[in-house]
C-alpha atoms as a PDB file:
ATOM      1  CA  MET A   1     -18.280  23.353 -14.081  1.00  0.00           C
ATOM      2  CA  ALA A   2     -18.294  20.637 -11.744  1.00  0.00           C
ATOM      3  CA  VAL A   3     -18.412  17.000 -12.813  1.00  0.00           C
ATOM      4  CA  PRO A   4     -19.945  14.328 -10.707  1.00  0.00           C
ATOM      5  CA  LYS A   5     -17.254  11.767 -10.048  1.00  0.00           C
ATOM      6  CA  ARG A   6     -19.873   8.751 -10.119  1.00  0.00           C
ATOM      7  CA  ARG A   7     -22.869   8.106 -11.550  1.00  0.00           C
ATOM      8  CA  ARG A   8     -25.907   8.662  -8.321  1.00  0.00           C
ATOM      9  CA  SER A   9     -28.020   5.847  -8.242  1.00  0.00           C
ATOM     10  CA  LYS A  10     -32.326   6.491  -8.238  1.00  0.00           C
ATOM     11  CA  SER A  11     -32.535   5.389  -4.299  1.00  0.00           C
ATOM     12  CA  LYS A  12     -29.759   8.041  -3.395  1.00  0.00           C
ATOM     13  CA  LYS A  13     -31.592  10.603  -5.109  1.00  0.00           C
ATOM     14  CA  ARG A  14     -34.880   9.887  -4.338  1.00  0.00           C
ATOM     15  CA  MET A  15     -33.728  10.236  -0.739  1.00  0.00           C
ATOM     16  CA  ASN A  16     -32.520  13.471  -1.567  1.00  0.00           C
ATOM     17  CA  HIS A  17     -35.750  14.696  -3.340  1.00  0.00           C
ATOM     18  CA  ALA A  18     -37.666  12.984  -0.247  1.00  0.00           C
ATOM     19  CA  ASN A  19     -36.345  15.695   1.776  1.00  0.00           C
ATOM     20  CA  TRP A  20     -37.825  18.658   0.027  1.00  0.00           C
ATOM     21  CA  LYS A  21     -41.034  19.591   2.084  1.00  0.00           C
ATOM     22  CA  ILE A  22     -42.458  22.588   3.488  1.00  0.00           C
ATOM     23  CA  SER A  23     -42.876  23.020   7.079  1.00  0.00           C
ATOM     24  CA  THR A  24     -45.417  24.940   9.140  1.00  0.00           C
ATOM     25  CA  PRO A  25     -44.358  28.208  10.531  1.00  0.00           C
ATOM     26  CA  THR A  26     -44.197  28.216  14.295  1.00  0.00           C
ATOM     27  CA  PHE A  27     -46.167  30.892  16.449  1.00  0.00           C
ATOM     28  CA  TYR A  28     -45.487  32.405  19.805  1.00  0.00           C
ATOM     29  CA  ILE A  29     -48.096  34.382  21.938  1.00  0.00           C
ATOM     30  CA  CYS A  30     -47.073  38.444  22.274  1.00  0.00           C
ATOM     31  CA  ASP A  31     -45.973  38.999  25.652  1.00  0.00           C
ATOM     32  CA  GLN A  32     -48.213  43.061  25.619  1.00  0.00           C
ATOM     33  CA  CYS A  33     -50.500  42.076  23.416  1.00  0.00           C
ATOM     34  CA  GLY A  34     -51.063  38.135  23.517  1.00  0.00           C
ATOM     35  CA  GLU A  35     -52.077  37.802  19.753  1.00  0.00           C
ATOM     36  CA  LEU A  36     -50.169  35.327  17.765  1.00  0.00           C
ATOM     37  CA  ALA A  37     -47.132  35.774  15.882  1.00  0.00           C
ATOM     38  CA  MET A  38     -44.359  34.980  13.899  1.00  0.00           C
ATOM     39  CA  SER A  39     -40.886  33.685  15.601  1.00  0.00           C
ATOM     40  CA  HIS A  40     -38.445  36.022  15.100  1.00  0.00           C
ATOM     41  CA  ASN A  41     -40.621  38.729  14.019  1.00  0.00           C
ATOM     42  CA  ALA A  42     -42.057  41.883  15.554  1.00  0.00           C
ATOM     43  CA  CYS A  43     -46.001  41.289  16.286  1.00  0.00           C
ATOM     44  CA  THR A  44     -47.862  42.720  13.722  1.00  0.00           C
ATOM     45  CA  LYS A  45     -50.553  43.971  16.233  1.00  0.00           C
ATOM     46  CA  CYS A  46     -48.644  46.170  19.072  1.00  0.00           C
ATOM     47  CA  GLY A  47     -45.297  46.764  17.512  1.00  0.00           C
ATOM     48  CA  PHE A  48     -43.048  44.636  19.903  1.00  0.00           C
ATOM     49  CA  TYR A  49     -40.206  42.295  19.677  1.00  0.00           C
ATOM     50  CA  LYS A  50     -38.593  40.829  22.738  1.00  0.00           C
ATOM     51  CA  GLY A  51     -39.609  43.415  25.418  1.00  0.00           C
ATOM     52  CA  LYS A  52     -39.133  46.578  22.624  1.00  0.00           C
ATOM     53  CA  GLN A  53     -41.296  48.933  20.665  1.00  0.00           C
ATOM     54  CA  VAL A  54     -39.897  48.203  17.110  1.00  0.00           C
ATOM     55  CA  LEU A  55     -42.830  49.220  14.932  1.00  0.00           C
ATOM     56  CA  LYS A  56     -44.852  52.204  14.879  1.00  0.00           C
ATOM     57  CA  VAL A  57     -48.535  50.761  14.941  1.00  0.00           C
ATOM     58  CA  LYS A  58     -51.291  52.608  13.464  1.00  0.00           C
ATOM     59  CA  VAL A  59     -54.290  52.500  16.017  1.00  0.00           C
ATOM     60  CA  LYS A  60     -57.391  51.480  14.170  1.00  0.00           C
ATOM     61  CA  SER A  61     -60.319  53.522  15.977  1.00  0.00           C
ATOM     62  CA  THR A  62     -63.269  51.796  16.837  1.00  0.00           C
ATOM     63  CA  PRO A  63     -66.764  54.139  15.913  1.00  0.00           C
ATOM     64  CA  THR A  64     -68.264  54.261  19.499  1.00  0.00           C
ATOM     65  CA  GLN A  65     -71.629  54.678  18.898  1.00  0.00           C
ATOM     66  CA  GLU A  66     -72.939  54.053  15.427  1.00  0.00           C
ATOM     67  CA  ALA A  67     -76.664  55.558  14.406  1.00  0.00           C
ATOM     68  CA  PRO A  68     -79.239  52.710  13.315  1.00  0.00           C
ATOM     69  CA  THR A  69     -79.399  52.464   9.742  1.00  0.00           C
ATOM     70  CA  GLU A  70     -82.350  52.426   7.819  1.00  0.00           C
ATOM     71  CA  GLU A  71     -83.480  48.733   6.359  1.00  0.00           C
ATOM     72  CA  THR A  72     -85.663  48.681   3.625  1.00  0.00           C
ATOM     73  CA  PRO A  73     -88.708  46.961   3.765  1.00  0.00           C
ATOM     74  CA  THR A  74     -89.450  43.150   3.040  1.00  0.00           C
ATOM     75  CA  LYS A  75     -92.265  41.410   0.967  1.00  0.00           C
ATOM     76  CA  GLU A  76     -93.877  39.291   3.973  1.00  0.00           C
END
């Protein structure tokens, strides 16, 4: 096992620990659908990456027209 040759000072140790911080992820706007997607990842909405489709994404079906729901009468 490696053994340090010299003692590390408090300031050097603290300077090293100060660089451990969380950075915010970077995003880009998808060319196909215009949604925000994480860099170097395929778009989760359309499945395209660098102009090529790499994922098959299921399209959520939207109801064409919903029937009116019955509301319970409220006391006024």
